[in-house]
Amino acid sequence: MDWIAADWGTTHLQLWEMEADGTVLNTMLSDQGMGVLLPEDYEPTLLGLLRNRLPTDRTTPVIACGMVGARQGWIEAPYAPVPAAPPSAAIAVRPKLRDPRLAVHVLPGMSQASPADVMRGEEVRISGVLAEEPDFDGIVCLPGLHTIWAQISAGEVVSFRTFMTAELVKLLSTQSVLRLSVGQEGWDEAEFQAGLDRGLSTPAALASDAFRLRAEALLDDLPSEAARARLWGLLIGVELAAAKPYWLGQAVRIVGVEDPVKLYSAALAKQGVQATSRDWEAMTLAGLGAARRTLLERA
């Protein structure tokens, strides 16, 4: 093991033990995310996962991204304002450690003054896209609990916008009246496409169109999987309507896990945009690997 890559989010921590050439030796996933840790818990959490795997004759660098650098995390890594290149290890912050076998470097997130916006973790995936395509000019779409659309030009993040689409689906389908009608499983592609068309063409009607799902379930026995698919379509359609300047006539790279990438790819394809997908893990490791190279260059 030459170094350790870490994506430390609100709910989970993922570690990769890395060789110098970028080969992954081992992967570990933990539910010890920022949301359940105090600052003094982070080092013991790392050591508990790594156990006796750390070399004893040298210091192993850990390159970490995500909510670990939030104000409520291990140590605050101030946001880098756009326009700027995705933050490198040159401006990472380092928490104090008791164990001399570790040297932790926490990468900053990025911020935008107007309209106000922030990201933590997604900037590393953007760095991964640029590591793969250094001359890429276009849009990187990062679907997740919150979806980010980032404009990239000349190696910099020029602007970005965040949408709470997946979180809104979760809230509406579990904590609103729609919980009685919207299923948590199953899919109806025709209903998704119908919702997508409606959300994109008439975004102002979202609140009414959402309640219609409950009414149709009561009056017409709308299946729960159909309601689920249409709700996703409505909310992604509304998002696409607001994010139109970010995808219309642009080259788009979608970075995420399989299911969200498929949804956004299908939604953009319906608008004539043939986006190229990139795997979340591969882009994360490419971005953290770029940070590791920066450390080596500065050594």
C-alpha atoms as a PDB file:
ATOM      1  CA  MET A   1       0.000   0.000   0.000  1.00  0.00           C
ATOM      2  CA  ASP A   2       1.407   3.360  -1.094  1.00  0.00           C
ATOM      3  CA  TRP A   3      -1.463   5.659  -0.077  1.00  0.00           C
ATOM      4  CA  ILE A   4      -5.121   5.673   0.958  1.00  0.00           C
ATOM      5  CA  ALA A   5      -8.012   7.325  -0.909  1.00  0.00           C
ATOM      6  CA  ALA A   6     -11.015   8.343   1.211  1.00  0.00           C
ATOM      7  CA  ASP A   7     -14.487   9.611   0.335  1.00  0.00           C
ATOM      8  CA  TRP A   8     -15.924  10.636   3.708  1.00  0.00           C
ATOM      9  CA  GLY A   9     -19.531  11.727   3.388  1.00  0.00           C
ATOM     10  CA  THR A  10     -22.386  12.503   5.751  1.00  0.00           C
ATOM     11  CA  THR A  11     -23.572   8.905   6.134  1.00  0.00           C
ATOM     12  CA  HIS A  12     -20.717   6.728   4.878  1.00  0.00           C
ATOM     13  CA  LEU A  13     -16.950   6.438   4.594  1.00  0.00           C
ATOM     14  CA  GLN A  14     -15.314   4.594   1.723  1.00  0.00           C
ATOM     15  CA  LEU A  15     -11.596   3.808   1.780  1.00  0.00           C
ATOM     16  CA  TRP A  16      -9.387   2.430  -0.962  1.00  0.00           C
ATOM     17  CA  GLU A  17      -5.901   1.074  -0.298  1.00  0.00           C
ATOM     18  CA  MET A  18      -3.863   2.167  -3.319  1.00  0.00           C
ATOM     19  CA  GLU A  19      -0.644   1.124  -4.979  1.00  0.00           C
ATOM     20  CA  ALA A  20       1.617   3.838  -6.404  1.00  0.00           C
ATOM     21  CA  ASP A  21       0.429   3.097  -9.959  1.00  0.00           C
ATOM     22  CA  GLY A  22      -3.239   3.578  -9.040  1.00  0.00           C
ATOM     23  CA  THR A  23      -4.128  -0.085  -8.597  1.00  0.00           C
ATOM     24  CA  VAL A  24      -6.758  -0.686  -5.905  1.00  0.00           C
ATOM     25  CA  LEU A  25      -5.577  -3.260  -3.387  1.00  0.00           C
ATOM     26  CA  ASN A  26      -8.566  -3.233  -1.069  1.00  0.00           C
ATOM     27  CA  THR A  27     -11.857  -1.378  -0.566  1.00  0.00           C
ATOM     28  CA  MET A  28     -13.622  -0.733   2.737  1.00  0.00           C
ATOM     29  CA  LEU A  29     -17.061   0.748   3.355  1.00  0.00           C
ATOM     30  CA  SER A  30     -18.271   1.996   6.731  1.00  0.00           C
ATOM     31  CA  ASP A  31     -21.402   3.704   8.040  1.00  0.00           C
ATOM     32  CA  GLN A  32     -19.216   6.002  10.167  1.00  0.00           C
ATOM     33  CA  GLY A  33     -20.023   9.158   8.249  1.00  0.00           C
ATOM     34  CA  MET A  34     -19.704  12.765   9.379  1.00  0.00           C
ATOM     35  CA  GLY A  35     -23.234  12.715  10.789  1.00  0.00           C
ATOM     36  CA  VAL A  36     -22.360  10.327  13.631  1.00  0.00           C
ATOM     37  CA  LEU A  37     -18.802  11.462  14.458  1.00  0.00           C
ATOM     38  CA  LEU A  38     -17.227  14.092  16.659  1.00  0.00           C
ATOM     39  CA  PRO A  39     -13.863  15.579  15.576  1.00  0.00           C
ATOM     40  CA  GLU A  40     -12.005  13.356  18.037  1.00  0.00           C
ATOM     41  CA  ASP A  41     -13.642  10.231  16.541  1.00  0.00           C
ATOM     42  CA  TYR A  42     -12.160  10.487  13.053  1.00  0.00           C
ATOM     43  CA  GLU A  43      -8.647   9.211  13.723  1.00  0.00           C
ATOM     44  CA  PRO A  44      -9.840   6.196  15.774  1.00  0.00           C
ATOM     45  CA  THR A  45     -12.361   5.408  13.030  1.00  0.00           C
ATOM     46  CA  LEU A  46      -9.614   5.325  10.402  1.00  0.00           C
ATOM     47  CA  LEU A  47      -7.327   3.224  12.571  1.00  0.00           C
ATOM     48  CA  GLY A  48     -10.166   0.855  13.429  1.00  0.00           C
ATOM     49  CA  LEU A  49     -10.800   0.156   9.759  1.00  0.00           C
ATOM     50  CA  LEU A  50      -7.142  -0.149   8.800  1.00  0.00           C
ATOM     51  CA  ARG A  51      -6.176  -2.125  11.936  1.00  0.00           C
ATOM     52  CA  ASN A  52      -2.697  -3.604  11.429  1.00  0.00           C
ATOM     53  CA  ARG A  53      -2.586  -2.945   7.689  1.00  0.00           C
ATOM     54  CA  LEU A  54      -0.552   0.278   7.923  1.00  0.00           C
ATOM     55  CA  PRO A  55       3.194   0.065   7.262  1.00  0.00           C
ATOM     56  CA  THR A  56       5.193   0.750  10.441  1.00  0.00           C
ATOM     57  CA  ASP A  57       8.382   1.979   8.781  1.00  0.00           C
ATOM     58  CA  ARG A  58       6.936   5.078   7.113  1.00  0.00           C
ATOM     59  CA  THR A  59       4.028   7.529   7.025  1.00  0.00           C
ATOM     60  CA  THR A  60       1.146   6.654   4.715  1.00  0.00           C
ATOM     61  CA  PRO A  61      -0.708   9.609   3.163  1.00  0.00           C
ATOM     62  CA  VAL A  62      -4.509   9.676   3.220  1.00  0.00           C
ATOM     63  CA  ILE A  63      -6.197  11.897   0.613  1.00  0.00           C
ATOM     64  CA  ALA A  64      -9.762  12.609   1.752  1.00  0.00           C
ATOM     65  CA  CYS A  65     -12.694  14.444   0.188  1.00  0.00           C
ATOM     66  CA  GLY A  66     -16.291  15.123   1.164  1.00  0.00           C
ATOM     67  CA  MET A  67     -17.993  16.202   4.375  1.00  0.00           C
ATOM     68  CA  VAL A  68     -14.917  15.305   6.400  1.00  0.00           C
ATOM     69  CA  GLY A  69     -13.835  18.872   5.540  1.00  0.00           C
ATOM     70  CA  ALA A  70     -17.116  20.515   6.548  1.00  0.00           C
ATOM     71  CA  ARG A  71     -17.447  22.871   9.505  1.00  0.00           C
ATOM     72  CA  GLN A  72     -19.055  19.981  11.418  1.00  0.00           C
ATOM     73  CA  GLY A  73     -16.443  17.465  10.210  1.00  0.00           C
ATOM     74  CA  TRP A  74     -12.931  16.530  11.284  1.00  0.00           C
ATOM     75  CA  ILE A  75     -11.326  19.803  10.273  1.00  0.00           C
ATOM     76  CA  GLU A  76     -12.778  22.621   8.197  1.00  0.00           C
ATOM     77  CA  ALA A  77     -11.317  22.913   4.702  1.00  0.00           C
ATOM     78  CA  PRO A  78     -12.488  26.339   3.451  1.00  0.00           C
ATOM     79  CA  TYR A  79     -14.299  26.400   0.122  1.00  0.00           C
ATOM     80  CA  ALA A  80     -12.404  27.382  -3.004  1.00  0.00           C
ATOM     81  CA  PRO A  81     -14.510  29.995  -4.859  1.00  0.00           C
ATOM     82  CA  VAL A  82     -15.303  29.577  -8.564  1.00  0.00           C
ATOM     83  CA  PRO A  83     -14.107  30.197 -11.174  1.00  0.00           C
ATOM     84  CA  ALA A  84     -11.197  27.918 -10.307  1.00  0.00           C
ATOM     85  CA  ALA A  85      -9.710  24.541 -11.028  1.00  0.00           C
ATOM     86  CA  PRO A  86     -10.980  21.791  -8.725  1.00  0.00           C
ATOM     87  CA  PRO A  87      -8.986  22.149  -5.467  1.00  0.00           C
ATOM     88  CA  SER A  88      -5.730  20.194  -5.377  1.00  0.00           C
ATOM     89  CA  ALA A  89      -3.727  18.809  -2.480  1.00  0.00           C
ATOM     90  CA  ALA A  90      -1.701  22.034  -2.574  1.00  0.00           C
ATOM     91  CA  ILE A  91      -4.470  23.721  -0.548  1.00  0.00           C
ATOM     92  CA  ALA A  92      -5.567  20.708   1.496  1.00  0.00           C
ATOM     93  CA  VAL A  93      -5.763  21.046   5.277  1.00  0.00           C
ATOM     94  CA  ARG A  94      -4.191  18.593   7.708  1.00  0.00           C
ATOM     95  CA  PRO A  95      -5.685  17.581  11.044  1.00  0.00           C
ATOM     96  CA  LYS A  96      -3.361  16.868  13.949  1.00  0.00           C
ATOM     97  CA  LEU A  97      -2.853  13.142  14.505  1.00  0.00           C
ATOM     98  CA  ARG A  98      -1.597  11.036  17.361  1.00  0.00           C
ATOM     99  CA  ASP A  99      -0.494   8.092  15.195  1.00  0.00           C
ATOM    100  CA  PRO A 100       2.705   8.824  13.212  1.00  0.00           C
ATOM    101  CA  ARG A 101       1.830   6.185  10.605  1.00  0.00           C
ATOM    102  CA  LEU A 102      -0.793   8.482   9.025  1.00  0.00           C
ATOM    103  CA  ALA A 103      -0.705  11.881   7.297  1.00  0.00           C
ATOM    104  CA  VAL A 104      -4.224  13.025   6.386  1.00  0.00           C
ATOM    105  CA  HIS A 105      -4.858  15.650   3.690  1.00  0.00           C
ATOM    106  CA  VAL A 106      -8.463  16.942   3.516  1.00  0.00           C
ATOM    107  CA  LEU A 107      -9.400  18.526   0.202  1.00  0.00           C
ATOM    108  CA  PRO A 108     -11.593  21.668   0.146  1.00  0.00           C
ATOM    109  CA  GLY A 109     -14.963  21.903  -1.531  1.00  0.00           C
ATOM    110  CA  MET A 110     -16.011  24.693  -3.894  1.00  0.00           C
ATOM    111  CA  SER A 111     -18.329  27.675  -3.497  1.00  0.00           C
ATOM    112  CA  GLN A 112     -20.182  30.134  -5.702  1.00  0.00           C
ATOM    113  CA  ALA A 113     -21.131  33.620  -4.545  1.00  0.00           C
ATOM    114  CA  SER A 114     -24.070  34.327  -6.863  1.00  0.00           C
ATOM    115  CA  PRO A 115     -26.313  32.462  -6.942  1.00  0.00           C
ATOM    116  CA  ALA A 116     -25.054  31.078  -3.627  1.00  0.00           C
ATOM    117  CA  ASP A 117     -24.028  27.437  -3.903  1.00  0.00           C
ATOM    118  CA  VAL A 118     -21.543  24.957  -2.421  1.00  0.00           C
ATOM    119  CA  MET A 119     -20.252  21.463  -3.089  1.00  0.00           C
ATOM    120  CA  ARG A 120     -18.077  19.013  -1.160  1.00  0.00           C
ATOM    121  CA  GLY A 121     -16.877  15.808  -2.787  1.00  0.00           C
ATOM    122  CA  GLU A 122     -18.311  16.427  -6.250  1.00  0.00           C
ATOM    123  CA  GLU A 123     -15.315  18.633  -7.139  1.00  0.00           C
ATOM    124  CA  VAL A 124     -13.106  15.533  -6.861  1.00  0.00           C
ATOM    125  CA  ARG A 125     -15.261  13.724  -9.436  1.00  0.00           C
ATOM    126  CA  ILE A 126     -14.910  16.777 -11.694  1.00  0.00           C
ATOM    127  CA  SER A 127     -11.152  16.580 -11.195  1.00  0.00           C
ATOM    128  CA  GLY A 128     -11.386  12.935 -12.265  1.00  0.00           C
ATOM    129  CA  VAL A 129     -13.168  13.886 -15.496  1.00  0.00           C
ATOM    130  CA  LEU A 130     -10.435  16.454 -16.210  1.00  0.00           C
ATOM    131  CA  ALA A 131      -7.733  13.896 -15.429  1.00  0.00           C
ATOM    132  CA  GLU A 132      -9.309  11.679 -18.092  1.00  0.00           C
ATOM    133  CA  GLU A 133     -10.102  14.518 -20.529  1.00  0.00           C
ATOM    134  CA  PRO A 134      -7.778  17.484 -19.804  1.00  0.00           C
ATOM    135  CA  ASP A 135      -9.202  19.571 -22.667  1.00  0.00           C
ATOM    136  CA  PHE A 136     -12.863  18.929 -21.851  1.00  0.00           C
ATOM    137  CA  ASP A 137     -15.125  21.985 -22.206  1.00  0.00           C
ATOM    138  CA  GLY A 138     -18.752  21.410 -21.362  1.00  0.00           C
ATOM    139  CA  ILE A 139     -20.952  20.266 -18.518  1.00  0.00           C
ATOM    140  CA  VAL A 140     -20.422  17.697 -15.799  1.00  0.00           C
ATOM    141  CA  CYS A 141     -23.692  16.459 -14.288  1.00  0.00           C
ATOM    142  CA  LEU A 142     -23.357  14.696 -10.934  1.00  0.00           C
ATOM    143  CA  PRO A 143     -26.639  13.065  -9.865  1.00  0.00           C
ATOM    144  CA  GLY A 144     -26.995  11.936  -6.271  1.00  0.00           C
ATOM    145  CA  LEU A 145     -29.108  12.911  -3.286  1.00  0.00           C
ATOM    146  CA  HIS A 146     -28.404  16.414  -4.618  1.00  0.00           C
ATOM    147  CA  THR A 147     -27.592  16.803  -8.313  1.00  0.00           C
ATOM    148  CA  ILE A 148     -24.948  19.281  -9.424  1.00  0.00           C
ATOM    149  CA  TRP A 149     -24.549  20.729 -12.911  1.00  0.00           C
ATOM    150  CA  ALA A 150     -21.085  22.247 -13.357  1.00  0.00           C
ATOM    151  CA  GLN A 151     -19.846  24.298 -16.307  1.00  0.00           C
ATOM    152  CA  ILE A 152     -16.222  23.438 -17.157  1.00  0.00           C
ATOM    153  CA  SER A 153     -13.947  25.552 -19.341  1.00  0.00           C
ATOM    154  CA  ALA A 154     -10.156  25.724 -19.673  1.00  0.00           C
ATOM    155  CA  GLY A 155      -9.715  23.277 -16.791  1.00  0.00           C
ATOM    156  CA  GLU A 156     -11.829  25.341 -14.385  1.00  0.00           C
ATOM    157  CA  VAL A 157     -15.257  25.118 -12.807  1.00  0.00           C
ATOM    158  CA  VAL A 158     -16.837  28.321 -14.118  1.00  0.00           C
ATOM    159  CA  SER A 159     -20.246  28.010 -12.441  1.00  0.00           C
ATOM    160  CA  PHE A 160     -22.548  25.382 -10.980  1.00  0.00           C
ATOM    161  CA  ARG A 161     -26.068  24.794  -9.695  1.00  0.00           C
ATOM    162  CA  THR A 162     -27.346  22.263  -7.169  1.00  0.00           C
ATOM    163  CA  PHE A 163     -30.802  20.644  -7.228  1.00  0.00           C
ATOM    164  CA  MET A 164     -32.370  18.692  -4.336  1.00  0.00           C
ATOM    165  CA  THR A 165     -34.253  16.417  -6.733  1.00  0.00           C
ATOM    166  CA  ALA A 166     -33.604  12.970  -5.236  1.00  0.00           C
ATOM    167  CA  GLU A 167     -34.060  14.293  -1.701  1.00  0.00           C
ATOM    168  CA  LEU A 168     -37.413  15.806  -2.702  1.00  0.00           C
ATOM    169  CA  VAL A 169     -38.500  12.454  -4.171  1.00  0.00           C
ATOM    170  CA  LYS A 170     -37.542  10.776  -0.891  1.00  0.00           C
ATOM    171  CA  LEU A 171     -39.331  13.347   1.265  1.00  0.00           C
ATOM    172  CA  LEU A 172     -42.501  13.421  -0.812  1.00  0.00           C
ATOM    173  CA  SER A 173     -42.748   9.635  -1.101  1.00  0.00           C
ATOM    174  CA  THR A 174     -42.115   8.947   2.604  1.00  0.00           C
ATOM    175  CA  GLN A 175     -43.261  11.986   4.596  1.00  0.00           C
ATOM    176  CA  SER A 176     -46.098  13.591   2.630  1.00  0.00           C
ATOM    177  CA  VAL A 177     -49.585  12.467   1.681  1.00  0.00           C
ATOM    178  CA  LEU A 178     -47.970  10.840  -1.363  1.00  0.00           C
ATOM    179  CA  ARG A 179     -46.503   8.148   0.910  1.00  0.00           C
ATOM    180  CA  LEU A 180     -49.931   6.460   0.638  1.00  0.00           C
ATOM    181  CA  SER A 181     -49.692   6.216  -3.152  1.00  0.00           C
ATOM    182  CA  VAL A 182     -46.036   6.272  -4.234  1.00  0.00           C
ATOM    183  CA  GLY A 183     -44.177   2.983  -3.990  1.00  0.00           C
ATOM    184  CA  GLN A 184     -40.546   2.515  -2.998  1.00  0.00           C
ATOM    185  CA  GLU A 185     -39.956  -0.177  -5.621  1.00  0.00           C
ATOM    186  CA  GLY A 186     -40.988  -0.997  -9.161  1.00  0.00           C
ATOM    187  CA  TRP A 187     -40.930   1.133 -12.298  1.00  0.00           C
ATOM    188  CA  ASP A 188     -43.105   2.191 -15.219  1.00  0.00           C
ATOM    189  CA  GLU A 189     -41.047   3.704 -18.015  1.00  0.00           C
ATOM    190  CA  ALA A 190     -44.036   5.180 -19.837  1.00  0.00           C
ATOM    191  CA  GLU A 191     -45.103   7.026 -16.675  1.00  0.00           C
ATOM    192  CA  PHE A 192     -41.549   8.285 -16.144  1.00  0.00           C
ATOM    193  CA  GLN A 193     -41.482   9.686 -19.678  1.00  0.00           C
ATOM    194  CA  ALA A 194     -44.922  11.259 -19.207  1.00  0.00           C
ATOM    195  CA  GLY A 195     -43.825  12.895 -15.964  1.00  0.00           C
ATOM    196  CA  LEU A 196     -40.624  14.095 -17.588  1.00  0.00           C
ATOM    197  CA  ASP A 197     -42.536  15.782 -20.420  1.00  0.00           C
ATOM    198  CA  ARG A 198     -44.953  17.404 -18.001  1.00  0.00           C
ATOM    199  CA  GLY A 199     -42.278  18.631 -15.597  1.00  0.00           C
ATOM    200  CA  LEU A 200     -40.139  20.085 -18.362  1.00  0.00           C
ATOM    201  CA  SER A 201     -42.982  21.787 -20.228  1.00  0.00           C
ATOM    202  CA  THR A 202     -45.011  23.007 -17.224  1.00  0.00           C
ATOM    203  CA  PRO A 203     -42.688  23.271 -14.203  1.00  0.00           C
ATOM    204  CA  ALA A 204     -44.944  25.825 -12.478  1.00  0.00           C
ATOM    205  CA  ALA A 205     -47.620  23.133 -12.070  1.00  0.00           C
ATOM    206  CA  LEU A 206     -45.398  20.793 -10.023  1.00  0.00           C
ATOM    207  CA  ALA A 207     -47.286  21.110  -6.735  1.00  0.00           C
ATOM    208  CA  SER A 208     -50.595  20.349  -8.447  1.00  0.00           C
ATOM    209  CA  ASP A 209     -49.193  17.572 -10.640  1.00  0.00           C
ATOM    210  CA  ALA A 210     -47.680  15.912  -7.574  1.00  0.00           C
ATOM    211  CA  PHE A 211     -51.031  15.810  -5.752  1.00  0.00           C
ATOM    212  CA  ARG A 212     -52.650  14.384  -8.863  1.00  0.00           C
ATOM    213  CA  LEU A 213     -50.735  11.174  -8.117  1.00  0.00           C
ATOM    214  CA  ARG A 214     -52.711  10.771  -4.893  1.00  0.00           C
ATOM    215  CA  ALA A 215     -55.995  11.589  -6.585  1.00  0.00           C
ATOM    216  CA  GLU A 216     -55.396   9.095  -9.413  1.00  0.00           C
ATOM    217  CA  ALA A 217     -54.475   6.401  -6.898  1.00  0.00           C
ATOM    218  CA  LEU A 218     -57.840   6.928  -5.148  1.00  0.00           C
ATOM    219  CA  LEU A 219     -60.021   7.372  -8.223  1.00  0.00           C
ATOM    220  CA  ASP A 220     -58.283   5.332 -10.925  1.00  0.00           C
ATOM    221  CA  ASP A 221     -56.192   2.803  -8.943  1.00  0.00           C
ATOM    222  CA  LEU A 222     -52.929   4.231 -10.244  1.00  0.00           C
ATOM    223  CA  PRO A 223     -50.314   1.546  -9.361  1.00  0.00           C
ATOM    224  CA  SER A 224     -47.711   2.579  -6.803  1.00  0.00           C
ATOM    225  CA  GLU A 225     -44.836   1.817  -9.176  1.00  0.00           C
ATOM    226  CA  ALA A 226     -46.419   4.048 -11.834  1.00  0.00           C
ATOM    227  CA  ALA A 227     -46.791   6.867  -9.299  1.00  0.00           C
ATOM    228  CA  ARG A 228     -43.157   6.441  -8.281  1.00  0.00           C
ATOM    229  CA  ALA A 229     -41.906   6.619 -11.864  1.00  0.00           C
ATOM    230  CA  ARG A 230     -44.059   9.631 -12.725  1.00  0.00           C
ATOM    231  CA  LEU A 231     -42.918  11.501  -9.588  1.00  0.00           C
ATOM    232  CA  TRP A 232     -39.298  10.961 -10.590  1.00  0.00           C
ATOM    233  CA  GLY A 233     -40.134  12.154 -14.101  1.00  0.00           C
ATOM    234  CA  LEU A 234     -41.902  15.271 -12.838  1.00  0.00           C
ATOM    235  CA  LEU A 235     -39.028  16.323 -10.592  1.00  0.00           C
ATOM    236  CA  ILE A 236     -36.253  15.579 -13.079  1.00  0.00           C
ATOM    237  CA  GLY A 237     -38.280  17.415 -15.721  1.00  0.00           C
ATOM    238  CA  VAL A 238     -38.560  20.475 -13.469  1.00  0.00           C
ATOM    239  CA  GLU A 239     -34.817  20.261 -12.827  1.00  0.00           C
ATOM    240  CA  LEU A 240     -34.042  20.093 -16.552  1.00  0.00           C
ATOM    241  CA  ALA A 241     -36.255  23.124 -17.162  1.00  0.00           C
ATOM    242  CA  ALA A 242     -34.241  25.144 -14.630  1.00  0.00           C
ATOM    243  CA  ALA A 243     -30.880  23.738 -15.737  1.00  0.00           C
ATOM    244  CA  LYS A 244     -31.502  24.220 -19.468  1.00  0.00           C
ATOM    245  CA  PRO A 245     -28.571  26.642 -19.947  1.00  0.00           C
ATOM    246  CA  TYR A 246     -26.308  23.900 -18.586  1.00  0.00           C
ATOM    247  CA  TRP A 247     -27.251  21.186 -21.068  1.00  0.00           C
ATOM    248  CA  LEU A 248     -28.766  22.726 -24.210  1.00  0.00           C
ATOM    249  CA  GLY A 249     -26.225  22.400 -26.993  1.00  0.00           C
ATOM    250  CA  GLN A 250     -23.495  21.295 -24.579  1.00  0.00           C
ATOM    251  CA  ALA A 251     -21.194  18.316 -24.288  1.00  0.00           C
ATOM    252  CA  VAL A 252     -22.327  16.542 -21.108  1.00  0.00           C
ATOM    253  CA  ARG A 253     -20.590  14.002 -18.892  1.00  0.00           C
ATOM    254  CA  ILE A 254     -22.769  12.300 -16.253  1.00  0.00           C
ATOM    255  CA  VAL A 255     -20.851  10.994 -13.243  1.00  0.00           C
ATOM    256  CA  GLY A 256     -22.659   8.780 -10.756  1.00  0.00           C
ATOM    257  CA  VAL A 257     -23.842   5.310  -9.848  1.00  0.00           C
ATOM    258  CA  GLU A 258     -25.793   3.204 -12.317  1.00  0.00           C
ATOM    259  CA  ASP A 259     -29.481   3.930 -11.617  1.00  0.00           C
ATOM    260  CA  PRO A 260     -29.328   7.763 -11.398  1.00  0.00           C
ATOM    261  CA  VAL A 261     -27.025   7.879 -14.416  1.00  0.00           C
ATOM    262  CA  LYS A 262     -29.575   5.894 -16.427  1.00  0.00           C
ATOM    263  CA  LEU A 263     -32.398   8.252 -15.432  1.00  0.00           C
ATOM    264  CA  TYR A 264     -30.505  11.397 -16.367  1.00  0.00           C
ATOM    265  CA  SER A 265     -29.121   9.858 -19.562  1.00  0.00           C
ATOM    266  CA  ALA A 266     -32.649   8.914 -20.657  1.00  0.00           C
ATOM    267  CA  ALA A 267     -34.004  12.338 -19.719  1.00  0.00           C
ATOM    268  CA  LEU A 268     -31.305  14.157 -21.700  1.00  0.00           C
ATOM    269  CA  ALA A 269     -31.576  11.774 -24.655  1.00  0.00           C
ATOM    270  CA  LYS A 270     -35.263  12.701 -24.896  1.00  0.00           C
ATOM    271  CA  GLN A 271     -34.099  16.296 -25.411  1.00  0.00           C
ATOM    272  CA  GLY A 272     -31.586  15.262 -28.084  1.00  0.00           C
ATOM    273  CA  VAL A 273     -28.528  15.396 -25.794  1.00  0.00           C
ATOM    274  CA  GLN A 274     -26.341  12.298 -26.025  1.00  0.00           C
ATOM    275  CA  ALA A 275     -24.500  12.458 -22.726  1.00  0.00           C
ATOM    276  CA  THR A 276     -21.517  10.263 -21.926  1.00  0.00           C
ATOM    277  CA  SER A 277     -21.578   8.469 -18.579  1.00  0.00           C
ATOM    278  CA  ARG A 278     -18.661   8.024 -16.182  1.00  0.00           C
ATOM    279  CA  ASP A 279     -18.518   5.714 -13.180  1.00  0.00           C
ATOM    280  CA  TRP A 280     -18.639   7.411  -9.760  1.00  0.00           C
ATOM    281  CA  GLU A 281     -15.885   5.301  -8.220  1.00  0.00           C
ATOM    282  CA  ALA A 282     -13.550   5.566 -11.202  1.00  0.00           C
ATOM    283  CA  MET A 283     -13.849   9.365 -11.315  1.00  0.00           C
ATOM    284  CA  THR A 284     -13.427   9.642  -7.537  1.00  0.00           C
ATOM    285  CA  LEU A 285     -10.218   7.648  -7.650  1.00  0.00           C
ATOM    286  CA  ALA A 286      -8.979   9.577 -10.682  1.00  0.00           C
ATOM    287  CA  GLY A 287      -9.564  12.863  -8.843  1.00  0.00           C
ATOM    288  CA  LEU A 288      -7.965  11.685  -5.600  1.00  0.00           C
ATOM    289  CA  GLY A 289      -5.115  10.205  -7.649  1.00  0.00           C
ATOM    290  CA  ALA A 290      -4.498  13.615  -9.218  1.00  0.00           C
ATOM    291  CA  ALA A 291      -4.277  15.074  -5.707  1.00  0.00           C
ATOM    292  CA  ARG A 292      -1.800  12.358  -4.739  1.00  0.00           C
ATOM    293  CA  ARG A 293       0.416  13.278  -7.691  1.00  0.00           C
ATOM    294  CA  THR A 294       0.355  16.905  -6.562  1.00  0.00           C
ATOM    295  CA  LEU A 295       1.668  15.820  -3.162  1.00  0.00           C
ATOM    296  CA  LEU A 296       4.489  13.877  -4.781  1.00  0.00           C
ATOM    297  CA  GLU A 297       5.421  16.859  -6.967  1.00  0.00           C
ATOM    298  CA  ARG A 298       5.565  19.101  -3.911  1.00  0.00           C
ATOM    299  CA  ALA A 299       7.605  16.679  -1.809  1.00  0.00           C
END
